[in-house]
């Protein structure tokens, strides 16, 4: 990527954000992207608000230093625990012209359009569920919707270790699906509130009634970003468009390249980064 790049930064604590990036590449193929995975310190889901905020702010500042004008937190935990503080407190001090966006708000906007029973389920990490970000955001837009959450602590390891199609993997998937539906049988729409979870969709569907809609975030967030750039031409013109992409990880490059290929269905080269 050339030195004049002004790529769109995509950050995640690990690999899950690649499912978001995959949809960005489909919807916005002409844009340049830099993907940064903080794999050395993942998962973020079990960490405190302060730690997630600190780690996320470091990543955002790193991406800004690499030329990014716009950064997407392609991580539900980071979006839940750090986005608002960064937007309100840090951006005015760092550079008021730069922007940081998350994945929760676009997903919430879509939920209200999909549910008919007004009973919605959320599968998420422990951190995302404890933050109550989805119930709080949904209440702001759709106060009539009832939200039931289910923390799925085993799902990310199942994806990253490629064990979700094993007997043991299916046991944990079914356990969480059954638990959520038992809490509220009227649920007709479920949001996959973690960017790893789209890889589990096929397995999750095996344990869901046919009438329940399962919403992945990638396509929703990609359409939201596309709309954002149309509505903010002053940002769009600052984003370089050479169809280039770079990958950075804070952990082992070989491991990142192998696991990342599962999310993107392509071979890729990554670089190690410390910040």
C-alpha atoms as a PDB file:
ATOM      1  CA  UNK A   1       0.000   0.000   0.000  1.00  0.00           C
ATOM      2  CA  UNK A   2       1.416   3.393  -0.937  1.00  0.00           C
ATOM      3  CA  UNK A   3       2.399   6.077   1.556  1.00  0.00           C
ATOM      4  CA  UNK A   4      -0.470   8.332   0.511  1.00  0.00           C
ATOM      5  CA  UNK A   5      -3.098   5.801   1.529  1.00  0.00           C
ATOM      6  CA  UNK A   6      -6.016   6.942   3.613  1.00  0.00           C
ATOM      7  CA  UNK A   7      -7.465   3.526   4.192  1.00  0.00           C
ATOM      8  CA  UNK A   8     -10.525   2.679   6.230  1.00  0.00           C
ATOM      9  CA  UNK A   9      -9.296   1.061   9.438  1.00  0.00           C
ATOM     10  CA  UNK A  10     -11.020  -2.088  10.673  1.00  0.00           C
ATOM     11  CA  UNK A  11     -10.220  -3.137  14.226  1.00  0.00           C
ATOM     12  CA  UNK A  12     -11.040  -6.242  16.221  1.00  0.00           C
ATOM     13  CA  UNK A  13      -9.587  -7.914  19.268  1.00  0.00           C
ATOM     14  CA  UNK A  14      -8.975 -10.996  17.144  1.00  0.00           C
ATOM     15  CA  UNK A  15     -10.409 -12.619  14.039  1.00  0.00           C
ATOM     16  CA  UNK A  16     -14.153 -11.988  14.206  1.00  0.00           C
ATOM     17  CA  UNK A  17     -13.920  -8.570  12.578  1.00  0.00           C
ATOM     18  CA  UNK A  18     -12.792 -10.316   9.425  1.00  0.00           C
ATOM     19  CA  UNK A  19     -16.425 -11.375   8.903  1.00  0.00           C
ATOM     20  CA  UNK A  20     -17.277  -7.660   8.811  1.00  0.00           C
ATOM     21  CA  UNK A  21     -14.330  -6.868   6.549  1.00  0.00           C
ATOM     22  CA  UNK A  22     -15.446  -9.639   4.188  1.00  0.00           C
ATOM     23  CA  UNK A  23     -18.731  -7.811   3.627  1.00  0.00           C
ATOM     24  CA  UNK A  24     -16.935  -4.460   3.252  1.00  0.00           C
ATOM     25  CA  UNK A  25     -14.888  -5.966   0.426  1.00  0.00           C
ATOM     26  CA  UNK A  26     -18.090  -7.073  -1.326  1.00  0.00           C
ATOM     27  CA  UNK A  27     -19.934  -3.768  -0.926  1.00  0.00           C
ATOM     28  CA  UNK A  28     -16.993  -1.345  -1.207  1.00  0.00           C
ATOM     29  CA  UNK A  29     -14.374  -3.162  -3.308  1.00  0.00           C
ATOM     30  CA  UNK A  30     -12.717   0.014  -4.577  1.00  0.00           C
ATOM     31  CA  UNK A  31     -11.742   1.275  -1.106  1.00  0.00           C
ATOM     32  CA  UNK A  32      -8.471   0.654   0.730  1.00  0.00           C
ATOM     33  CA  UNK A  33      -8.604  -1.126   4.101  1.00  0.00           C
ATOM     34  CA  UNK A  34      -6.228  -1.816   6.956  1.00  0.00           C
ATOM     35  CA  UNK A  35      -7.233  -4.634   9.275  1.00  0.00           C
ATOM     36  CA  UNK A  36      -5.734  -4.689  12.762  1.00  0.00           C
ATOM     37  CA  UNK A  37      -6.252  -7.653  15.059  1.00  0.00           C
ATOM     38  CA  UNK A  38      -5.070  -7.403  18.665  1.00  0.00           C
ATOM     39  CA  UNK A  39      -4.698 -11.176  18.834  1.00  0.00           C
ATOM     40  CA  UNK A  40      -1.995 -11.032  21.509  1.00  0.00           C
ATOM     41  CA  UNK A  41      -4.486  -9.633  24.021  1.00  0.00           C
ATOM     42  CA  UNK A  42      -7.702 -11.305  22.901  1.00  0.00           C
ATOM     43  CA  UNK A  43     -10.314 -12.151  23.918  1.00  0.00           C
ATOM     44  CA  UNK A  44     -11.700  -8.820  25.084  1.00  0.00           C
ATOM     45  CA  UNK A  45     -15.057 -10.320  26.092  1.00  0.00           C
ATOM     46  CA  UNK A  46     -14.060 -11.128  29.675  1.00  0.00           C
ATOM     47  CA  UNK A  47     -12.059  -7.944  30.334  1.00  0.00           C
ATOM     48  CA  UNK A  48     -13.191  -4.885  32.295  1.00  0.00           C
ATOM     49  CA  UNK A  49     -14.520  -1.678  30.756  1.00  0.00           C
ATOM     50  CA  UNK A  50     -11.323   0.210  31.563  1.00  0.00           C
ATOM     51  CA  UNK A  51      -9.043  -2.408  29.996  1.00  0.00           C
ATOM     52  CA  UNK A  52     -11.152  -2.726  26.831  1.00  0.00           C
ATOM     53  CA  UNK A  53     -11.286   1.061  26.524  1.00  0.00           C
ATOM     54  CA  UNK A  54      -7.513   1.392  26.923  1.00  0.00           C
ATOM     55  CA  UNK A  55      -6.757  -1.360  24.410  1.00  0.00           C
ATOM     56  CA  UNK A  56      -9.287  -0.037  21.893  1.00  0.00           C
ATOM     57  CA  UNK A  57      -8.037   3.533  22.127  1.00  0.00           C
ATOM     58  CA  UNK A  58      -4.465   2.331  21.530  1.00  0.00           C
ATOM     59  CA  UNK A  59      -5.599   0.498  18.395  1.00  0.00           C
ATOM     60  CA  UNK A  60      -7.576   3.492  17.111  1.00  0.00           C
ATOM     61  CA  UNK A  61      -4.594   5.803  17.603  1.00  0.00           C
ATOM     62  CA  UNK A  62      -2.378   3.274  15.831  1.00  0.00           C
ATOM     63  CA  UNK A  63      -4.703   3.146  12.834  1.00  0.00           C
ATOM     64  CA  UNK A  64      -4.902   6.941  12.752  1.00  0.00           C
ATOM     65  CA  UNK A  65      -1.089   7.051  12.702  1.00  0.00           C
ATOM     66  CA  UNK A  66      -1.168   4.708   9.687  1.00  0.00           C
ATOM     67  CA  UNK A  67      -3.238   7.196   7.701  1.00  0.00           C
ATOM     68  CA  UNK A  68      -6.782   6.087   8.483  1.00  0.00           C
ATOM     69  CA  UNK A  69      -9.359   8.869   8.563  1.00  0.00           C
ATOM     70  CA  UNK A  70     -12.179   6.508   9.506  1.00  0.00           C
ATOM     71  CA  UNK A  71     -11.980   3.502  11.840  1.00  0.00           C
ATOM     72  CA  UNK A  72     -14.634   0.822  12.276  1.00  0.00           C
ATOM     73  CA  UNK A  73     -14.678  -1.074  15.567  1.00  0.00           C
ATOM     74  CA  UNK A  74     -15.620  -4.429  14.048  1.00  0.00           C
ATOM     75  CA  UNK A  75     -15.898  -5.880  17.543  1.00  0.00           C
ATOM     76  CA  UNK A  76     -19.029  -5.925  19.677  1.00  0.00           C
ATOM     77  CA  UNK A  77     -17.111  -5.790  22.950  1.00  0.00           C
ATOM     78  CA  UNK A  78     -15.071  -2.766  21.865  1.00  0.00           C
ATOM     79  CA  UNK A  79     -18.202  -1.115  20.476  1.00  0.00           C
ATOM     80  CA  UNK A  80     -20.030  -1.782  23.746  1.00  0.00           C
ATOM     81  CA  UNK A  81     -17.316  -0.749  26.173  1.00  0.00           C
ATOM     82  CA  UNK A  82     -15.197   1.848  24.383  1.00  0.00           C
ATOM     83  CA  UNK A  83     -16.889   3.474  21.380  1.00  0.00           C
ATOM     84  CA  UNK A  84     -18.919   6.152  23.140  1.00  0.00           C
ATOM     85  CA  UNK A  85     -16.043   7.375  25.310  1.00  0.00           C
ATOM     86  CA  UNK A  86     -13.685   7.502  22.326  1.00  0.00           C
ATOM     87  CA  UNK A  87     -16.234   9.417  20.238  1.00  0.00           C
ATOM     88  CA  UNK A  88     -17.167  11.905  22.944  1.00  0.00           C
ATOM     89  CA  UNK A  89     -13.938  12.361  24.918  1.00  0.00           C
ATOM     90  CA  UNK A  90     -10.956  11.352  22.810  1.00  0.00           C
ATOM     91  CA  UNK A  91     -11.705  12.297  19.204  1.00  0.00           C
ATOM     92  CA  UNK A  92     -12.084  16.024  19.970  1.00  0.00           C
ATOM     93  CA  UNK A  93      -8.564  15.958  21.459  1.00  0.00           C
ATOM     94  CA  UNK A  94      -6.971  13.675  18.849  1.00  0.00           C
ATOM     95  CA  UNK A  95      -8.504  15.036  15.663  1.00  0.00           C
ATOM     96  CA  UNK A  96     -12.095  16.229  15.428  1.00  0.00           C
ATOM     97  CA  UNK A  97     -12.178  15.497  11.695  1.00  0.00           C
ATOM     98  CA  UNK A  98     -11.540  11.775  12.106  1.00  0.00           C
ATOM     99  CA  UNK A  99     -14.323   9.306  12.878  1.00  0.00           C
ATOM    100  CA  UNK A 100     -14.760   6.040  14.776  1.00  0.00           C
ATOM    101  CA  UNK A 101     -17.891   3.933  14.208  1.00  0.00           C
ATOM    102  CA  UNK A 102     -19.129   0.689  15.768  1.00  0.00           C
ATOM    103  CA  UNK A 103     -21.239  -2.339  14.879  1.00  0.00           C
ATOM    104  CA  UNK A 104     -23.998  -2.276  17.486  1.00  0.00           C
ATOM    105  CA  UNK A 105     -26.103   0.705  16.365  1.00  0.00           C
ATOM    106  CA  UNK A 106     -26.543  -0.455  12.728  1.00  0.00           C
ATOM    107  CA  UNK A 107     -27.483  -3.933  13.962  1.00  0.00           C
ATOM    108  CA  UNK A 108     -30.050  -2.522  16.380  1.00  0.00           C
ATOM    109  CA  UNK A 109     -31.652  -0.382  13.674  1.00  0.00           C
ATOM    110  CA  UNK A 110     -32.157  -3.506  11.560  1.00  0.00           C
ATOM    111  CA  UNK A 111     -33.652  -5.556  14.411  1.00  0.00           C
ATOM    112  CA  UNK A 112     -36.668  -3.282  14.683  1.00  0.00           C
ATOM    113  CA  UNK A 113     -37.448  -3.827  11.013  1.00  0.00           C
ATOM    114  CA  UNK A 114     -37.248  -7.624  11.231  1.00  0.00           C
ATOM    115  CA  UNK A 115     -39.170  -8.638  14.364  1.00  0.00           C
ATOM    116  CA  UNK A 116     -42.942  -9.069  14.319  1.00  0.00           C
ATOM    117  CA  UNK A 117     -43.457 -10.525  17.783  1.00  0.00           C
ATOM    118  CA  UNK A 118     -41.378  -7.700  19.342  1.00  0.00           C
ATOM    119  CA  UNK A 119     -39.409 -10.345  21.229  1.00  0.00           C
ATOM    120  CA  UNK A 120     -35.724 -10.374  20.244  1.00  0.00           C
ATOM    121  CA  UNK A 121     -32.826 -12.559  21.315  1.00  0.00           C
ATOM    122  CA  UNK A 122     -29.116 -11.712  21.457  1.00  0.00           C
ATOM    123  CA  UNK A 123     -26.235 -14.185  21.401  1.00  0.00           C
ATOM    124  CA  UNK A 124     -23.075 -12.473  22.639  1.00  0.00           C
ATOM    125  CA  UNK A 125     -19.852 -12.748  24.575  1.00  0.00           C
ATOM    126  CA  UNK A 126     -19.904 -12.409  28.349  1.00  0.00           C
ATOM    127  CA  UNK A 127     -18.611  -8.835  28.029  1.00  0.00           C
ATOM    128  CA  UNK A 128     -21.209  -7.736  25.489  1.00  0.00           C
ATOM    129  CA  UNK A 129     -24.059  -9.285  27.467  1.00  0.00           C
ATOM    130  CA  UNK A 130     -22.889  -7.735  30.748  1.00  0.00           C
ATOM    131  CA  UNK A 131     -22.612  -4.330  29.112  1.00  0.00           C
ATOM    132  CA  UNK A 132     -26.348  -4.458  28.239  1.00  0.00           C
ATOM    133  CA  UNK A 133     -25.483  -2.460  25.113  1.00  0.00           C
ATOM    134  CA  UNK A 134     -28.043  -4.210  22.933  1.00  0.00           C
ATOM    135  CA  UNK A 135     -30.999  -3.852  25.339  1.00  0.00           C
ATOM    136  CA  UNK A 136     -30.078  -0.217  25.999  1.00  0.00           C
ATOM    137  CA  UNK A 137     -29.697   0.700  22.317  1.00  0.00           C
ATOM    138  CA  UNK A 138     -32.838  -1.197  21.321  1.00  0.00           C
ATOM    139  CA  UNK A 139     -34.829   0.553  24.061  1.00  0.00           C
ATOM    140  CA  UNK A 140     -33.768   3.947  22.690  1.00  0.00           C
ATOM    141  CA  UNK A 141     -35.091   3.176  19.215  1.00  0.00           C
ATOM    142  CA  UNK A 142     -37.771   0.572  19.882  1.00  0.00           C
ATOM    143  CA  UNK A 143     -39.005   0.809  23.491  1.00  0.00           C
ATOM    144  CA  UNK A 144     -41.749  -1.732  22.792  1.00  0.00           C
ATOM    145  CA  UNK A 145     -39.270  -4.553  22.004  1.00  0.00           C
ATOM    146  CA  UNK A 146     -38.387  -7.079  24.704  1.00  0.00           C
ATOM    147  CA  UNK A 147     -34.752  -8.221  24.583  1.00  0.00           C
ATOM    148  CA  UNK A 148     -33.451 -11.509  25.991  1.00  0.00           C
ATOM    149  CA  UNK A 149     -29.694 -12.144  26.048  1.00  0.00           C
ATOM    150  CA  UNK A 150     -27.608 -15.307  26.175  1.00  0.00           C
ATOM    151  CA  UNK A 151     -23.880 -15.269  26.898  1.00  0.00           C
ATOM    152  CA  UNK A 152     -21.997 -17.882  24.884  1.00  0.00           C
ATOM    153  CA  UNK A 153     -18.459 -18.066  26.329  1.00  0.00           C
ATOM    154  CA  UNK A 154     -17.511 -21.188  24.360  1.00  0.00           C
ATOM    155  CA  UNK A 155     -18.490 -19.994  20.905  1.00  0.00           C
ATOM    156  CA  UNK A 156     -15.431 -17.873  20.109  1.00  0.00           C
ATOM    157  CA  UNK A 157     -12.973 -20.660  21.052  1.00  0.00           C
ATOM    158  CA  UNK A 158     -15.034 -23.096  18.972  1.00  0.00           C
ATOM    159  CA  UNK A 159     -14.639 -20.846  15.924  1.00  0.00           C
ATOM    160  CA  UNK A 160     -10.973 -20.022  16.420  1.00  0.00           C
ATOM    161  CA  UNK A 161     -10.041 -23.670  17.011  1.00  0.00           C
ATOM    162  CA  UNK A 162     -12.271 -24.872  14.165  1.00  0.00           C
ATOM    163  CA  UNK A 163     -14.190 -27.204  16.468  1.00  0.00           C
ATOM    164  CA  UNK A 164     -17.733 -25.958  15.948  1.00  0.00           C
ATOM    165  CA  UNK A 165     -18.685 -28.904  13.711  1.00  0.00           C
ATOM    166  CA  UNK A 166     -17.581 -31.516  16.231  1.00  0.00           C
ATOM    167  CA  UNK A 167     -19.919 -33.332  18.604  1.00  0.00           C
ATOM    168  CA  UNK A 168     -18.566 -31.279  21.517  1.00  0.00           C
ATOM    169  CA  UNK A 169     -18.973 -28.051  19.580  1.00  0.00           C
ATOM    170  CA  UNK A 170     -22.577 -28.813  18.693  1.00  0.00           C
ATOM    171  CA  UNK A 171     -23.280 -29.593  22.352  1.00  0.00           C
ATOM    172  CA  UNK A 172     -22.342 -26.059  23.409  1.00  0.00           C
ATOM    173  CA  UNK A 173     -24.201 -24.458  20.498  1.00  0.00           C
ATOM    174  CA  UNK A 174     -27.389 -26.372  21.247  1.00  0.00           C
ATOM    175  CA  UNK A 175     -27.051 -25.656  24.968  1.00  0.00           C
ATOM    176  CA  UNK A 176     -27.031 -21.891  24.400  1.00  0.00           C
ATOM    177  CA  UNK A 177     -29.761 -21.963  21.752  1.00  0.00           C
ATOM    178  CA  UNK A 178     -32.065 -24.000  23.992  1.00  0.00           C
ATOM    179  CA  UNK A 179     -31.295 -21.753  26.963  1.00  0.00           C
ATOM    180  CA  UNK A 180     -32.222 -18.578  25.064  1.00  0.00           C
ATOM    181  CA  UNK A 181     -35.482 -19.960  23.690  1.00  0.00           C
ATOM    182  CA  UNK A 182     -36.451 -21.316  27.100  1.00  0.00           C
ATOM    183  CA  UNK A 183     -36.147 -17.805  28.538  1.00  0.00           C
ATOM    184  CA  UNK A 184     -38.665 -16.464  26.014  1.00  0.00           C
ATOM    185  CA  UNK A 185     -40.542 -18.760  23.587  1.00  0.00           C
ATOM    186  CA  UNK A 186     -41.951 -15.708  21.760  1.00  0.00           C
ATOM    187  CA  UNK A 187     -38.568 -14.733  20.283  1.00  0.00           C
ATOM    188  CA  UNK A 188     -38.798 -14.501  16.481  1.00  0.00           C
ATOM    189  CA  UNK A 189     -35.519 -12.695  15.705  1.00  0.00           C
ATOM    190  CA  UNK A 190     -32.015 -13.294  17.037  1.00  0.00           C
ATOM    191  CA  UNK A 191     -28.973 -11.089  16.494  1.00  0.00           C
ATOM    192  CA  UNK A 192     -25.543 -12.685  16.392  1.00  0.00           C
ATOM    193  CA  UNK A 193     -23.911 -10.162  18.711  1.00  0.00           C
ATOM    194  CA  UNK A 194     -20.329 -11.244  18.063  1.00  0.00           C
ATOM    195  CA  UNK A 195     -18.458 -11.039  14.790  1.00  0.00           C
ATOM    196  CA  UNK A 196     -17.200 -14.626  15.171  1.00  0.00           C
ATOM    197  CA  UNK A 197     -20.688 -16.069  15.214  1.00  0.00           C
ATOM    198  CA  UNK A 198     -21.551 -15.891  11.483  1.00  0.00           C
ATOM    199  CA  UNK A 199     -19.302 -18.907  11.014  1.00  0.00           C
ATOM    200  CA  UNK A 200     -21.676 -20.803  13.303  1.00  0.00           C
ATOM    201  CA  UNK A 201     -24.878 -19.889  11.437  1.00  0.00           C
ATOM    202  CA  UNK A 202     -25.311 -23.252   9.765  1.00  0.00           C
ATOM    203  CA  UNK A 203     -24.903 -25.105  13.057  1.00  0.00           C
ATOM    204  CA  UNK A 204     -27.139 -22.680  14.984  1.00  0.00           C
ATOM    205  CA  UNK A 205     -29.938 -23.103  12.420  1.00  0.00           C
ATOM    206  CA  UNK A 206     -30.007 -26.838  13.165  1.00  0.00           C
ATOM    207  CA  UNK A 207     -31.346 -26.081  16.638  1.00  0.00           C
ATOM    208  CA  UNK A 208     -33.688 -23.200  15.771  1.00  0.00           C
ATOM    209  CA  UNK A 209     -37.333 -23.391  14.668  1.00  0.00           C
ATOM    210  CA  UNK A 210     -37.787 -22.375  11.024  1.00  0.00           C
ATOM    211  CA  UNK A 211     -39.797 -19.269  11.931  1.00  0.00           C
ATOM    212  CA  UNK A 212     -36.917 -17.604  13.819  1.00  0.00           C
ATOM    213  CA  UNK A 213     -34.779 -15.149  11.851  1.00  0.00           C
ATOM    214  CA  UNK A 214     -31.041 -15.135  12.537  1.00  0.00           C
ATOM    215  CA  UNK A 215     -29.305 -11.828  11.820  1.00  0.00           C
ATOM    216  CA  UNK A 216     -25.588 -11.576  11.023  1.00  0.00           C
ATOM    217  CA  UNK A 217     -23.937  -8.206  11.361  1.00  0.00           C
ATOM    218  CA  UNK A 218     -21.587  -8.186   8.380  1.00  0.00           C
ATOM    219  CA  UNK A 219     -24.038  -7.292   5.631  1.00  0.00           C
ATOM    220  CA  UNK A 220     -25.884  -4.830   7.883  1.00  0.00           C
ATOM    221  CA  UNK A 221     -22.715  -3.000   8.927  1.00  0.00           C
ATOM    222  CA  UNK A 222     -21.388  -2.966   5.352  1.00  0.00           C
ATOM    223  CA  UNK A 223     -24.601  -1.381   4.066  1.00  0.00           C
ATOM    224  CA  UNK A 224     -24.481   1.092   6.945  1.00  0.00           C
ATOM    225  CA  UNK A 225     -20.909   2.093   6.088  1.00  0.00           C
ATOM    226  CA  UNK A 226     -21.813   2.472   2.427  1.00  0.00           C
ATOM    227  CA  UNK A 227     -24.720   4.721   3.390  1.00  0.00           C
ATOM    228  CA  UNK A 228     -22.519   6.680   5.794  1.00  0.00           C
ATOM    229  CA  UNK A 229     -20.017   7.467   3.035  1.00  0.00           C
ATOM    230  CA  UNK A 230     -22.819   8.609   0.730  1.00  0.00           C
ATOM    231  CA  UNK A 231     -24.205  10.881   3.456  1.00  0.00           C
ATOM    232  CA  UNK A 232     -20.741  12.210   4.352  1.00  0.00           C
ATOM    233  CA  UNK A 233     -19.003  13.026   1.055  1.00  0.00           C
ATOM    234  CA  UNK A 234     -16.412  15.053   2.963  1.00  0.00           C
ATOM    235  CA  UNK A 235     -15.243  11.769   4.538  1.00  0.00           C
ATOM    236  CA  UNK A 236     -15.653   9.720   1.387  1.00  0.00           C
ATOM    237  CA  UNK A 237     -13.319  11.980  -0.578  1.00  0.00           C
ATOM    238  CA  UNK A 238     -10.637  11.487   2.093  1.00  0.00           C
ATOM    239  CA  UNK A 239     -10.744   7.684   1.795  1.00  0.00           C
ATOM    240  CA  UNK A 240      -8.306   6.331  -0.792  1.00  0.00           C
ATOM    241  CA  UNK A 241      -9.629   3.966  -3.434  1.00  0.00           C
ATOM    242  CA  UNK A 242      -7.000   1.627  -4.869  1.00  0.00           C
ATOM    243  CA  UNK A 243      -8.623  -1.703  -3.882  1.00  0.00           C
ATOM    244  CA  UNK A 244      -5.680  -2.369  -1.549  1.00  0.00           C
ATOM    245  CA  UNK A 245      -5.746  -4.105   1.810  1.00  0.00           C
ATOM    246  CA  UNK A 246      -3.203  -4.760   4.533  1.00  0.00           C
ATOM    247  CA  UNK A 247      -3.435  -7.028   7.571  1.00  0.00           C
ATOM    248  CA  UNK A 248      -1.688  -6.488  10.890  1.00  0.00           C
ATOM    249  CA  UNK A 249      -1.680  -8.622  14.022  1.00  0.00           C
ATOM    250  CA  UNK A 250      -0.129  -8.175  17.453  1.00  0.00           C
ATOM    251  CA  UNK A 251       0.407 -11.956  17.693  1.00  0.00           C
ATOM    252  CA  UNK A 252       2.053 -14.643  15.522  1.00  0.00           C
ATOM    253  CA  UNK A 253       1.715 -13.921  11.813  1.00  0.00           C
ATOM    254  CA  UNK A 254       1.546 -17.557  10.695  1.00  0.00           C
ATOM    255  CA  UNK A 255      -1.297 -18.354  13.063  1.00  0.00           C
ATOM    256  CA  UNK A 256      -3.170 -15.208  12.038  1.00  0.00           C
ATOM    257  CA  UNK A 257      -2.853 -15.984   8.323  1.00  0.00           C
ATOM    258  CA  UNK A 258      -4.139 -19.522   8.790  1.00  0.00           C
ATOM    259  CA  UNK A 259      -7.167 -18.616  10.894  1.00  0.00           C
ATOM    260  CA  UNK A 260      -7.988 -15.449   8.955  1.00  0.00           C
ATOM    261  CA  UNK A 261      -8.317 -17.458   5.761  1.00  0.00           C
ATOM    262  CA  UNK A 262     -11.347 -19.227   7.285  1.00  0.00           C
ATOM    263  CA  UNK A 263     -13.190 -15.928   7.558  1.00  0.00           C
ATOM    264  CA  UNK A 264     -12.217 -14.516   4.160  1.00  0.00           C
ATOM    265  CA  UNK A 265     -11.858 -17.656   2.036  1.00  0.00           C
ATOM    266  CA  UNK A 266      -8.622 -16.378   0.550  1.00  0.00           C
ATOM    267  CA  UNK A 267      -4.934 -16.664   1.263  1.00  0.00           C
ATOM    268  CA  UNK A 268      -3.396 -13.527   2.715  1.00  0.00           C
ATOM    269  CA  UNK A 269      -0.178 -12.092   4.074  1.00  0.00           C
ATOM    270  CA  UNK A 270      -0.081 -10.323   7.414  1.00  0.00           C
ATOM    271  CA  UNK A 271       2.491  -8.259   9.259  1.00  0.00           C
ATOM    272  CA  UNK A 272       3.298  -8.213  12.949  1.00  0.00           C
ATOM    273  CA  UNK A 273       2.802  -4.915  14.745  1.00  0.00           C
ATOM    274  CA  UNK A 274       3.559  -3.604  18.234  1.00  0.00           C
ATOM    275  CA  UNK A 275       2.120  -0.397  19.632  1.00  0.00           C
END
